[in-house]
Amino acid sequence: MNAPASHVTIGDLPASDFIEMEHRLGAHNYKPLDVILTRGEGVWLWDVDGKRYFDCLSAYSAVNQGHCHPKILEAMVRQAGKLTLTSRAFRNDQLAYLYEELAELTGSHKILPMNSGAEAVESAIKAVRKWGYEVRGVPEDQAEVIVCSDNFHGRTIAIVGFSTDPTARQGFGPFAPGFKVVPFGDYAAFEAAITPNTVGFLVEPIQGEAGVVIPPEGYFRKVRELCTARNITLILDEIQTGLGRTGTLLAEEHEGIEADVTLVGKALSGGFYPISAVLSNSEVLGVLKPGQHGSTFGGNPLACAVARAALKVLVEEGMIENSAKQGGYFLERLRGVRANAIREVRGRGLMLAVELHPEAGGARRYCEALRQRGILAKDTHDHTIRLAPPLVVTREQIDWAMDQIDPVLTGLH
């Protein structure tokens, strides 16, 4: 930083120039597919060269409502022209409405608004620990939270400290204590890990980053019963699985349970503006007193107005029901593909994955091949392709996508 950079005017640059500038000036903490996107609508994206793509990632489920939904856009523009930020030092006329609408939709009794999914996770951990000390009577600084192997809850120091992914952890220690790791879906391991100091169990209903891993039938019903019996707070991270992604409003509904703390984000804004929320009750969130936790942008009027519109279209336009219907069809079509490379096809709603055999050469090259055919999908954990289009997808669009996906899965060697 010896001299200021010369001013750069970006016009109609070729894709290679965008890639070069990103590589030269940006931190190399991502390895994206080399497509430069410039526009989106519904399930479609367009690159700077005008090529159209079918979005099979939905920004990790942040755009469940489809790209640039006109009603969410309208709410954002309208609110941006009135008031964007006050901080929580003052009240605004959008937050109370969001509380009311979110509580009515989810059955929550108390809500804590934040900005990102990771912030929601951190907030829940703080609140549950405090609840453990003040309500449960756990000795100070001895509270334990149980988590699962192959989890993904964010990128903060505390969160990567209980990750089992070496790439996420390596070089970032020392880490915060107070977490125990058990295998996902293993009830016996969870039960064995509980001690008198266990205050919470933080878990994803379906592990997204791990490759859309679905627990055994009945697992969460037994977990719920045990948490109730042992006075342990069940914290469900629904940041990726919630708000229609799995064919229900929240993924917990597939097991007929209710969490004590539910975390939502991503699709809470339909991809327009960062907002997340901790949904719980007065017993847990009631331990937080003024000055003990907060965020400058948390609960800001712009985010609240956007979230209100995002929730409204999700429900009124039948996107949750469409997720269940089209997700079942998409899963059926994927399971009909006869390819030696496929080890397993799994999913729930429009949260789907194709796991390849290790000898298939890795999922990344399949995603690259799909990109060439106009499908944008994401590899995860080396051998799994995730497929998660926006919830507005139609049967005809899935048929078109399968016309591209089938040849790649069957023809790539």
Protein backbone atom coordinates (compact mmCIF):
# COMPACT_ATOMS: atom_id res chain seq x y z
CA MET A 1 0.00 0.00 0.00
CA ASN A 2 2.78 2.44 -0.94
CA ALA A 3 0.72 4.40 -3.46
CA PRO A 4 -2.97 4.76 -4.28
CA ALA A 5 -4.19 2.56 -7.10
CA SER A 6 -5.13 4.26 -10.33
CA HIS A 7 -8.85 4.64 -10.94
CA VAL A 8 -10.33 1.73 -12.88
CA THR A 9 -13.46 2.12 -14.98
CA ILE A 10 -15.10 -1.23 -15.57
CA GLY A 11 -17.07 -1.36 -18.78
CA ASP A 12 -17.69 -4.34 -21.01
CA LEU A 13 -14.66 -6.34 -19.95
CA PRO A 14 -14.11 -9.90 -21.12
CA ALA A 15 -14.56 -12.59 -18.48
CA SER A 16 -10.81 -13.21 -18.35
CA ASP A 17 -10.21 -9.62 -17.18
CA PHE A 18 -12.68 -9.97 -14.30
CA ILE A 19 -10.98 -13.19 -13.23
CA GLU A 20 -7.53 -11.63 -13.44
CA MET A 21 -8.56 -8.62 -11.34
CA GLU A 22 -10.18 -10.83 -8.70
CA HIS A 23 -7.07 -13.00 -8.53
CA ARG A 24 -4.74 -10.01 -8.31
CA LEU A 25 -6.65 -7.90 -5.79
CA GLY A 26 -8.83 -10.29 -3.79
CA ALA A 27 -8.03 -12.69 -0.97
CA HIS A 28 -7.90 -16.22 -2.37
CA ASN A 29 -10.33 -17.75 0.12
CA TYR A 30 -12.71 -19.01 -2.58
CA LYS A 31 -12.28 -21.14 -5.68
CA PRO A 32 -15.41 -20.32 -7.70
CA LEU A 33 -16.37 -21.67 -11.08
CA ASP A 34 -15.09 -19.28 -13.71
CA VAL A 35 -18.42 -17.75 -14.70
CA ILE A 36 -18.95 -13.99 -14.32
CA LEU A 37 -22.62 -13.43 -13.52
CA THR A 38 -24.32 -10.13 -14.19
CA ARG A 39 -28.08 -10.68 -14.05
CA GLY A 40 -30.66 -13.00 -12.52
CA GLU A 41 -34.39 -13.66 -12.78
CA GLY A 42 -36.30 -16.54 -11.22
CA VAL A 43 -34.24 -19.71 -11.63
CA TRP A 44 -32.03 -18.19 -14.33
CA LEU A 45 -28.69 -16.37 -14.29
CA TRP A 46 -26.83 -14.68 -17.15
CA ASP A 47 -23.10 -14.10 -17.49
CA VAL A 48 -21.31 -11.08 -18.96
CA ASP A 49 -21.23 -12.81 -22.35
CA GLY A 50 -25.02 -13.20 -22.36
CA LYS A 51 -25.11 -16.96 -21.74
CA ARG A 52 -28.03 -18.20 -19.65
CA TYR A 53 -27.65 -20.67 -16.77
CA PHE A 54 -30.04 -22.68 -14.62
CA ASP A 55 -29.17 -21.93 -10.99
CA CYS A 56 -28.87 -25.15 -9.00
CA LEU A 57 -27.33 -23.61 -5.89
CA SER A 58 -29.64 -20.68 -5.06
CA ALA A 59 -26.74 -18.94 -3.28
CA TYR A 60 -26.71 -21.76 -0.71
CA SER A 61 -30.51 -21.41 -0.36
CA ALA A 62 -30.45 -17.62 0.13
CA VAL A 63 -32.56 -17.06 -3.00
CA ASN A 64 -35.33 -19.58 -2.34
CA GLN A 65 -37.79 -17.03 -3.73
CA GLY A 66 -35.89 -16.80 -7.02
CA HIS A 67 -33.52 -14.12 -8.24
CA CYS A 68 -34.71 -10.51 -8.02
CA HIS A 69 -38.27 -11.31 -7.00
CA PRO A 70 -40.21 -8.18 -8.04
CA LYS A 71 -42.26 -7.87 -4.83
CA ILE A 72 -39.21 -8.13 -2.57
CA LEU A 73 -37.39 -5.66 -4.82
CA GLU A 74 -40.31 -3.26 -4.58
CA ALA A 75 -40.29 -3.47 -0.77
CA MET A 76 -36.54 -2.88 -0.66
CA VAL A 77 -36.63 0.15 -2.97
CA ARG A 78 -39.59 1.65 -1.12
CA GLN A 79 -37.95 1.26 2.30
CA ALA A 80 -34.52 2.40 1.03
CA GLY A 81 -36.11 5.69 0.05
CA LYS A 82 -37.57 6.20 3.52
CA LEU A 83 -35.17 4.89 6.19
CA THR A 84 -32.37 2.32 6.10
CA LEU A 85 -30.63 2.31 9.47
CA THR A 86 -31.16 3.77 12.94
CA SER A 87 -29.25 1.24 15.05
CA ARG A 88 -31.10 -0.30 17.99
CA ALA A 89 -30.44 2.85 20.02
CA PHE A 90 -33.82 3.92 18.65
CA ARG A 91 -36.92 2.07 17.51
CA ASN A 92 -38.14 1.82 13.91
CA ASP A 93 -41.53 1.11 12.38
CA GLN A 94 -40.56 -2.17 10.67
CA LEU A 95 -39.08 -4.30 13.44
CA ALA A 96 -42.29 -4.85 15.42
CA TYR A 97 -44.13 -5.93 12.27
CA LEU A 98 -41.36 -8.41 11.45
CA TYR A 99 -41.53 -9.80 14.99
CA GLU A 100 -45.29 -10.24 14.74
CA GLU A 101 -45.27 -11.85 11.29
CA LEU A 102 -42.30 -14.14 12.00
CA ALA A 103 -43.78 -15.21 15.34
CA GLU A 104 -47.16 -15.97 13.76
CA LEU A 105 -45.56 -17.95 10.95
CA THR A 106 -43.17 -20.01 13.08
CA GLY A 107 -44.87 -20.14 16.48
CA SER A 108 -41.92 -18.40 18.15
CA HIS A 109 -42.39 -16.42 21.36
CA LYS A 110 -39.20 -14.36 21.28
CA ILE A 111 -37.03 -13.23 18.36
CA LEU A 112 -33.50 -11.85 18.19
CA PRO A 113 -32.65 -10.28 14.80
CA MET A 114 -29.08 -10.38 13.52
CA ASN A 115 -27.39 -10.08 10.12
CA SER A 116 -25.64 -13.29 9.08
CA GLY A 117 -26.16 -16.96 9.78
CA ALA A 118 -22.91 -17.15 11.72
CA GLU A 119 -24.05 -14.25 13.90
CA ALA A 120 -27.28 -16.10 14.64
CA VAL A 121 -25.31 -19.19 15.66
CA GLU A 122 -22.98 -17.18 17.90
CA SER A 123 -25.97 -15.40 19.45
CA ALA A 124 -27.70 -18.69 20.20
CA ILE A 125 -24.59 -20.13 21.83
CA LYS A 126 -24.24 -17.04 24.02
CA ALA A 127 -27.90 -17.06 25.05
CA VAL A 128 -28.00 -20.79 25.76
CA ARG A 129 -24.82 -20.65 27.85
CA LYS A 130 -26.25 -17.75 29.84
CA TRP A 131 -29.51 -19.67 30.27
CA GLY A 132 -27.48 -22.62 31.53
CA TYR A 133 -25.89 -20.52 34.23
CA GLU A 134 -28.86 -18.43 35.28
CA VAL A 135 -31.73 -20.91 34.87
CA ARG A 136 -30.16 -24.37 35.01
CA GLY A 137 -27.58 -23.48 37.64
CA VAL A 138 -24.56 -24.83 35.74
CA PRO A 139 -21.28 -23.69 37.38
CA GLU A 140 -19.84 -20.55 35.74
CA ASP A 141 -17.71 -21.20 32.64
CA GLN A 142 -18.53 -24.95 32.69
CA ALA A 143 -21.42 -24.99 30.19
CA GLU A 144 -21.12 -27.54 27.38
CA VAL A 145 -22.77 -27.54 23.97
CA ILE A 146 -22.84 -30.76 21.95
CA VAL A 147 -22.37 -30.47 18.18
CA CYS A 148 -22.05 -32.97 15.33
CA SER A 149 -19.12 -34.05 13.20
CA ASP A 150 -19.14 -32.73 9.62
CA ASN A 151 -21.20 -29.76 10.82
CA PHE A 152 -21.25 -26.40 9.13
CA HIS A 153 -22.51 -23.46 11.18
CA GLY A 154 -20.33 -20.61 9.88
CA ARG A 155 -16.80 -19.25 9.84
CA THR A 156 -16.22 -17.40 13.13
CA ILE A 157 -13.40 -18.45 15.47
CA ALA A 158 -15.80 -20.12 17.91
CA ILE A 159 -17.63 -21.98 15.16
CA VAL A 160 -14.60 -23.26 13.26
CA GLY A 161 -13.22 -24.35 16.62
CA PHE A 162 -15.86 -27.09 16.80
CA SER A 163 -15.73 -27.91 13.09
CA THR A 164 -14.27 -31.29 12.09
CA ASP A 165 -13.15 -29.96 8.69
CA PRO A 166 -9.34 -29.57 8.81
CA THR A 167 -9.46 -26.89 6.10
CA ALA A 168 -11.81 -24.76 8.20
CA ARG A 169 -9.74 -25.18 11.38
CA GLN A 170 -6.09 -25.31 10.41
CA GLY A 171 -4.08 -22.24 11.37
CA PHE A 172 -6.88 -20.42 13.19
CA GLY A 173 -6.46 -21.61 16.81
CA PRO A 174 -6.55 -21.36 19.74
CA PHE A 175 -10.26 -22.06 19.91
CA ALA A 176 -13.02 -21.51 22.44
CA PRO A 177 -13.64 -24.45 24.80
CA GLY A 178 -17.02 -25.84 25.81
CA PHE A 179 -17.99 -27.99 22.83
CA LYS A 180 -18.29 -31.76 22.41
CA VAL A 181 -18.48 -33.42 19.01
CA VAL A 182 -20.56 -36.55 18.29
CA PRO A 183 -21.38 -38.30 14.99
CA PHE A 184 -24.41 -36.91 13.18
CA GLY A 185 -27.46 -39.15 13.37
CA ASP A 186 -25.99 -41.33 16.15
CA TYR A 187 -28.46 -41.13 19.03
CA ALA A 188 -26.46 -43.39 21.34
CA ALA A 189 -23.37 -41.19 20.93
CA PHE A 190 -25.40 -38.09 21.70
CA GLU A 191 -26.88 -39.66 24.82
CA ALA A 192 -23.45 -40.81 26.01
CA ALA A 193 -21.96 -37.32 25.59
CA ILE A 194 -24.43 -35.64 27.94
CA THR A 195 -23.14 -34.48 31.33
CA PRO A 196 -24.72 -32.37 34.10
CA ASN A 197 -23.12 -29.34 32.38
CA THR A 198 -24.69 -29.95 28.97
CA VAL A 199 -26.86 -26.94 28.17
CA GLY A 200 -27.49 -27.33 24.46
CA PHE A 201 -27.37 -29.50 21.35
CA LEU A 202 -26.60 -27.49 18.20
CA VAL A 203 -27.40 -29.45 15.03
CA GLU A 204 -28.57 -29.11 11.44
CA PRO A 205 -31.77 -31.05 10.61
CA ILE A 206 -30.04 -32.02 7.35
CA GLN A 207 -26.32 -31.43 6.95
CA GLY A 208 -25.98 -29.25 3.87
CA GLU A 209 -22.26 -28.62 3.42
CA ALA A 210 -21.55 -32.23 4.35
CA GLY A 211 -23.44 -33.27 1.21
CA VAL A 212 -27.16 -33.22 2.09
CA VAL A 213 -26.83 -35.88 4.78
CA ILE A 214 -30.23 -36.93 6.15
CA PRO A 215 -30.34 -38.55 9.62
CA PRO A 216 -32.08 -41.88 10.27
CA GLU A 217 -35.87 -41.82 10.55
CA GLY A 218 -36.91 -41.06 14.11
CA TYR A 219 -33.53 -39.68 15.18
CA PHE A 220 -34.80 -36.20 15.97
CA ARG A 221 -37.89 -37.47 17.76
CA LYS A 222 -35.66 -39.37 20.18
CA VAL A 223 -33.29 -36.40 20.48
CA ARG A 224 -36.23 -34.12 21.27
CA GLU A 225 -37.50 -36.47 23.98
CA LEU A 226 -34.08 -36.75 25.60
CA CYS A 227 -33.45 -33.00 25.50
CA THR A 228 -36.80 -32.43 27.19
CA ALA A 229 -36.10 -35.08 29.83
CA ARG A 230 -32.63 -33.74 30.62
CA ASN A 231 -33.51 -30.03 30.32
CA ILE A 232 -31.15 -29.48 27.38
CA THR A 233 -31.85 -26.77 24.81
CA LEU A 234 -32.30 -28.20 21.32
CA ILE A 235 -30.88 -25.67 18.85
CA LEU A 236 -31.75 -26.39 15.22
CA ASP A 237 -29.69 -24.55 12.62
CA GLU A 238 -32.28 -24.08 9.87
CA ILE A 239 -30.34 -21.35 8.10
CA GLN A 240 -30.03 -23.54 5.00
CA THR A 241 -32.85 -26.06 5.55
CA GLY A 242 -35.51 -23.60 6.68
CA LEU A 243 -38.04 -21.40 4.90
CA GLY A 244 -39.29 -23.98 2.43
CA ARG A 245 -36.08 -25.56 1.19
CA THR A 246 -37.00 -29.12 2.25
CA GLY A 247 -40.68 -28.89 1.31
CA THR A 248 -41.90 -27.67 4.70
CA LEU A 249 -41.55 -24.25 6.31
CA LEU A 250 -38.95 -25.70 8.69
CA ALA A 251 -37.22 -29.06 8.30
CA GLU A 252 -38.11 -29.99 11.89
CA GLU A 253 -41.65 -30.60 10.66
CA HIS A 254 -40.57 -33.80 8.91
CA GLU A 255 -40.11 -35.39 12.36
CA GLY A 256 -43.03 -33.57 13.96
CA ILE A 257 -40.88 -31.83 16.59
CA GLU A 258 -40.24 -28.29 17.80
CA ALA A 259 -36.81 -26.94 18.66
CA ASP A 260 -36.21 -24.73 21.69
CA VAL A 261 -34.09 -22.43 19.54
CA THR A 262 -34.36 -22.18 15.75
CA LEU A 263 -31.90 -20.28 13.58
CA VAL A 264 -33.00 -18.80 10.27
CA GLY A 265 -31.20 -16.62 7.73
CA LYS A 266 -30.32 -16.80 4.03
CA ALA A 267 -33.81 -16.97 2.44
CA LEU A 268 -35.18 -14.73 5.20
CA SER A 269 -34.34 -11.87 2.83
CA GLY A 270 -34.80 -13.68 -0.48
CA GLY A 271 -31.17 -12.88 -1.27
CA PHE A 272 -31.60 -9.09 -1.19
CA TYR A 273 -30.03 -8.04 2.10
CA PRO A 274 -28.31 -9.83 4.99
CA ILE A 275 -30.66 -10.70 7.85
CA SER A 276 -30.89 -13.62 10.23
CA ALA A 277 -32.83 -14.38 13.39
CA VAL A 278 -32.76 -16.48 16.52
CA LEU A 279 -36.26 -17.80 17.22
CA SER A 280 -36.94 -19.03 20.74
CA ASN A 281 -38.89 -18.33 23.92
CA SER A 282 -38.81 -15.99 26.88
CA GLU A 283 -36.91 -18.47 29.05
CA VAL A 284 -33.88 -18.60 26.75
CA LEU A 285 -33.80 -15.17 25.13
CA GLY A 286 -35.11 -13.54 28.28
CA VAL A 287 -31.67 -13.92 29.90
CA LEU A 288 -30.27 -11.24 27.60
CA LYS A 289 -30.47 -7.82 29.22
CA PRO A 290 -29.77 -4.38 27.67
CA GLY A 291 -26.11 -3.96 26.77
CA GLN A 292 -25.26 -7.67 26.94
CA HIS A 293 -25.63 -8.48 23.24
CA GLY A 294 -26.41 -6.58 20.07
CA SER A 295 -25.51 -5.47 16.57
CA THR A 296 -25.47 -2.08 14.86
CA PHE A 297 -27.29 -3.42 11.81
CA GLY A 298 -29.33 -6.13 13.55
CA GLY A 299 -33.05 -5.42 13.13
CA ASN A 300 -32.52 -2.41 10.86
CA PRO A 301 -35.62 -1.14 9.02
CA LEU A 302 -34.34 -1.97 5.54
CA ALA A 303 -33.62 -5.59 6.47
CA CYS A 304 -36.94 -5.92 8.27
CA ALA A 305 -38.94 -4.58 5.34
CA VAL A 306 -37.14 -6.93 2.96
CA ALA A 307 -37.65 -9.92 5.27
CA ARG A 308 -41.35 -9.16 5.62
CA ALA A 309 -41.77 -9.20 1.84
CA ALA A 310 -39.62 -12.31 1.48
CA LEU A 311 -41.76 -14.24 3.98
CA LYS A 312 -44.97 -12.99 2.41
CA VAL A 313 -44.19 -14.18 -1.11
CA LEU A 314 -42.82 -17.48 0.21
CA VAL A 315 -46.20 -18.27 1.73
CA GLU A 316 -48.66 -16.50 -0.58
CA GLU A 317 -47.13 -17.82 -3.80
CA GLY A 318 -47.06 -21.44 -2.63
CA MET A 319 -43.30 -21.82 -2.81
CA ILE A 320 -43.13 -24.24 0.13
CA GLU A 321 -45.67 -26.56 -1.46
CA ASN A 322 -43.90 -26.23 -4.80
CA SER A 323 -40.63 -27.25 -3.15
CA ALA A 324 -42.20 -30.48 -1.93
CA LYS A 325 -43.85 -31.23 -5.27
CA GLN A 326 -41.01 -30.33 -7.63
CA GLY A 327 -38.39 -31.67 -5.24
CA GLY A 328 -40.04 -35.08 -5.30
CA TYR A 329 -40.11 -34.98 -9.09
CA PHE A 330 -36.49 -33.83 -9.36
CA LEU A 331 -35.38 -36.61 -6.99
CA GLU A 332 -37.29 -39.18 -9.03
CA ARG A 333 -35.68 -38.00 -12.27
CA LEU A 334 -32.18 -38.04 -10.72
CA ARG A 335 -32.68 -41.55 -9.36
CA GLY A 336 -33.65 -42.62 -12.86
CA VAL A 337 -30.21 -41.78 -14.23
CA ARG A 338 -28.20 -44.93 -14.96
CA ALA A 339 -24.59 -43.92 -14.50
CA ASN A 340 -21.72 -45.97 -13.10
CA ALA A 341 -20.32 -42.84 -11.47
CA ILE A 342 -23.31 -42.45 -9.13
CA ARG A 343 -23.05 -43.89 -5.64
CA GLU A 344 -26.23 -42.41 -4.18
CA VAL A 345 -28.92 -39.84 -4.91
CA ARG A 346 -30.63 -38.32 -1.86
CA GLY A 347 -32.58 -35.30 -0.78
CA ARG A 348 -35.68 -33.77 0.70
CA GLY A 349 -37.71 -31.12 -1.05
CA LEU A 350 -35.40 -29.10 -3.28
CA MET A 351 -32.31 -29.90 -1.21
CA LEU A 352 -30.78 -32.66 -3.32
CA ALA A 353 -27.40 -34.30 -3.81
CA VAL A 354 -25.74 -36.75 -6.16
CA GLU A 355 -22.86 -38.54 -4.45
CA LEU A 356 -20.30 -40.01 -6.82
CA HIS A 357 -18.00 -42.97 -6.33
CA PRO A 358 -14.46 -41.86 -5.37
CA GLU A 359 -13.11 -43.38 -8.55
CA ALA A 360 -15.34 -41.03 -10.60
CA GLY A 361 -12.59 -38.40 -10.38
CA GLY A 362 -14.23 -35.82 -8.13
CA ALA A 363 -17.41 -33.78 -8.31
CA ARG A 364 -15.67 -30.56 -9.35
CA ARG A 365 -15.09 -31.73 -12.92
CA TYR A 366 -18.75 -32.72 -13.20
CA CYS A 367 -19.76 -29.23 -12.07
CA GLU A 368 -17.42 -27.76 -14.68
CA ALA A 369 -19.05 -29.94 -17.34
CA LEU A 370 -22.51 -28.92 -16.15
CA ARG A 371 -21.51 -25.27 -16.43
CA GLN A 372 -20.66 -25.81 -20.07
CA ARG A 373 -24.21 -27.08 -20.58
CA GLY A 374 -25.82 -24.16 -18.74
CA ILE A 375 -26.21 -25.64 -15.24
CA LEU A 376 -24.61 -24.00 -12.21
CA ALA A 377 -24.15 -26.51 -9.39
CA LYS A 378 -21.68 -26.82 -6.53
CA ASP A 379 -19.42 -29.65 -5.48
CA THR A 380 -18.92 -30.38 -1.80
CA HIS A 381 -16.73 -32.80 0.14
CA ASP A 382 -14.94 -33.82 -3.06
CA HIS A 383 -17.45 -36.38 -4.34
CA THR A 384 -20.90 -34.81 -4.00
CA ILE A 385 -22.84 -32.52 -6.35
CA ARG A 386 -25.49 -30.42 -4.64
CA LEU A 387 -28.62 -29.49 -6.59
CA ALA A 388 -30.85 -26.85 -5.01
CA PRO A 389 -32.72 -24.58 -7.46
CA PRO A 390 -34.95 -21.74 -6.27
CA LEU A 391 -38.34 -22.84 -4.96
CA VAL A 392 -40.11 -21.20 -7.92
CA VAL A 393 -38.78 -23.88 -10.29
CA THR A 394 -41.27 -25.59 -12.61
CA ARG A 395 -41.54 -29.17 -13.85
CA GLU A 396 -40.63 -28.01 -17.35
CA GLN A 397 -37.47 -26.31 -16.08
CA ILE A 398 -36.48 -29.47 -14.20
CA ASP A 399 -37.00 -31.48 -17.38
CA TRP A 400 -34.73 -29.06 -19.25
CA ALA A 401 -32.13 -29.32 -16.49
CA MET A 402 -32.25 -33.11 -16.57
CA ASP A 403 -31.62 -33.00 -20.32
CA GLN A 404 -28.28 -31.41 -19.40
CA ILE A 405 -27.51 -33.33 -16.20
CA ASP A 406 -28.14 -36.84 -17.51
CA PRO A 407 -25.54 -36.69 -20.32
CA VAL A 408 -22.91 -35.30 -17.94
CA LEU A 409 -23.47 -38.00 -15.30
CA THR A 410 -23.58 -40.79 -17.86
CA GLY A 411 -21.00 -39.53 -20.34
CA LEU A 412 -18.14 -38.08 -18.29
CA HIS A 413 -15.28 -40.53 -17.76
